[in-house]
Amino acid sequence: MPPEPAPNTPNITRIAFRLPNGRRIDRRFCVEDPVQVLYDYLESDVTLELPPFRLQTSFQPKKVFDDKSQTLRDAGLTSSVVLIVDEIIEDEAVVA
């Protein structure tokens, strides 16, 4: 996990995560980081006790960020954004 960039660092984005319990946490990331870093950040905080989850936008149409190799820039996460930490319900993962 790379350290959080300083506020005046070029090419950073601030991402706010809305957790399933309603809590919100914020962090800065480099726009060249892969989406995987967002998942790693959340999963590394054992105090969050998160179930299996996906990250998605809070506005319609909802965009799910499941290509974890894509950079934050390529995913369109270059300015301050709120992402929903959406619990994956097992039934949702089953394809009919």
Protein backbone atom coordinates (compact mmCIF):
# COMPACT_ATOMS: atom_id res chain seq x y z
CA MET A 1 0.00 0.00 0.00
CA PRO A 2 1.61 3.29 -1.06
CA PRO A 3 1.59 6.09 1.52
CA GLU A 4 -1.08 8.78 1.22
CA PRO A 5 0.17 11.62 -1.03
CA ALA A 6 0.56 15.06 0.52
CA PRO A 7 -2.26 17.54 -0.25
CA ASN A 8 -0.10 19.64 -2.62
CA THR A 9 1.18 16.66 -4.64
CA PRO A 10 0.40 16.90 -8.38
CA ASN A 11 -1.88 14.31 -9.99
CA ILE A 12 -3.82 13.29 -6.91
CA THR A 13 -7.50 12.68 -6.34
CA ARG A 14 -9.48 12.62 -3.12
CA ILE A 15 -11.84 9.72 -2.73
CA ALA A 16 -14.51 9.46 -0.06
CA PHE A 17 -15.80 5.99 0.70
CA ARG A 18 -19.36 5.57 2.02
CA LEU A 19 -19.26 2.38 4.07
CA PRO A 20 -22.21 -0.03 4.47
CA ASN A 21 -22.72 1.23 8.05
CA GLY A 22 -23.07 4.84 6.79
CA ARG A 23 -19.64 5.95 7.96
CA ARG A 24 -17.51 7.94 5.53
CA ILE A 25 -13.74 7.87 5.23
CA ASP A 26 -11.58 10.01 2.93
CA ARG A 27 -8.12 9.55 1.47
CA ARG A 28 -5.92 10.97 -1.28
CA PHE A 29 -4.55 8.70 -4.03
CA CYS A 30 -2.29 9.20 -7.05
CA VAL A 31 -4.33 9.13 -10.27
CA GLU A 32 -1.78 6.68 -11.74
CA ASP A 33 -2.52 4.12 -8.99
CA PRO A 34 -4.59 1.13 -10.13
CA VAL A 35 -8.16 0.71 -8.87
CA GLN A 36 -6.81 -2.28 -6.91
CA VAL A 37 -5.22 0.21 -4.47
CA LEU A 38 -8.70 1.40 -3.42
CA TYR A 39 -9.72 -2.16 -2.57
CA ASP A 40 -6.37 -2.78 -0.83
CA TYR A 41 -6.79 0.37 1.24
CA LEU A 42 -10.21 -0.65 2.52
CA GLU A 43 -9.27 -4.29 3.05
CA SER A 44 -6.10 -3.34 4.97
CA ASP A 45 -8.10 -1.64 7.73
CA VAL A 46 -9.19 -4.59 9.84
CA THR A 47 -11.21 -2.28 12.10
CA LEU A 48 -13.69 -1.75 9.24
CA GLU A 49 -14.71 -5.44 9.26
CA LEU A 50 -16.02 -5.23 5.71
CA PRO A 51 -17.92 -8.08 4.06
CA PRO A 52 -17.10 -8.90 0.41
CA PHE A 53 -17.75 -5.66 -1.49
CA ARG A 54 -17.54 -3.76 -4.75
CA LEU A 55 -16.96 -0.07 -5.30
CA GLN A 56 -19.47 1.95 -7.28
CA THR A 57 -20.46 5.54 -7.91
CA SER A 58 -23.16 7.14 -5.82
CA PHE A 59 -25.02 8.64 -8.80
CA GLN A 60 -27.07 7.20 -11.65
CA PRO A 61 -26.21 5.41 -13.79
CA LYS A 62 -24.13 3.54 -11.24
CA LYS A 63 -20.68 2.57 -12.41
CA VAL A 64 -19.00 -0.41 -10.75
CA PHE A 65 -15.20 -0.32 -10.56
CA ASP A 66 -14.34 -3.98 -11.06
CA ASP A 67 -11.42 -3.62 -13.50
CA LYS A 68 -8.84 -3.42 -10.75
CA SER A 69 -5.89 -3.08 -13.17
CA GLN A 70 -7.26 0.18 -14.62
CA THR A 71 -5.62 3.38 -13.33
CA LEU A 72 -7.75 5.82 -11.36
CA ARG A 73 -7.25 8.29 -14.23
CA ASP A 74 -8.54 5.79 -16.81
CA ALA A 75 -11.47 4.93 -14.52
CA GLY A 76 -12.45 8.63 -14.48
CA LEU A 77 -11.58 9.13 -10.80
CA THR A 78 -9.49 12.26 -11.27
CA SER A 79 -11.41 14.70 -9.10
CA SER A 80 -12.99 14.41 -5.68
CA VAL A 81 -15.57 11.64 -5.77
CA VAL A 82 -17.70 9.61 -3.38
CA LEU A 83 -17.68 5.86 -3.90
CA ILE A 84 -20.18 3.51 -2.32
CA VAL A 85 -18.74 0.42 -0.65
CA ASP A 86 -21.52 -1.94 -1.73
CA GLU A 87 -21.80 -5.30 -0.01
CA ILE A 88 -21.92 -8.20 -2.44
CA ILE A 89 -24.88 -10.39 -1.59
CA GLU A 90 -24.17 -14.00 -2.53
CA ASP A 91 -27.42 -14.32 -4.55
CA GLU A 92 -26.37 -11.32 -6.67
CA ALA A 93 -23.20 -13.12 -7.76
CA VAL A 94 -25.17 -16.05 -9.19
CA VAL A 95 -25.83 -15.68 -12.89
CA ALA A 96 -29.22 -17.02 -13.99
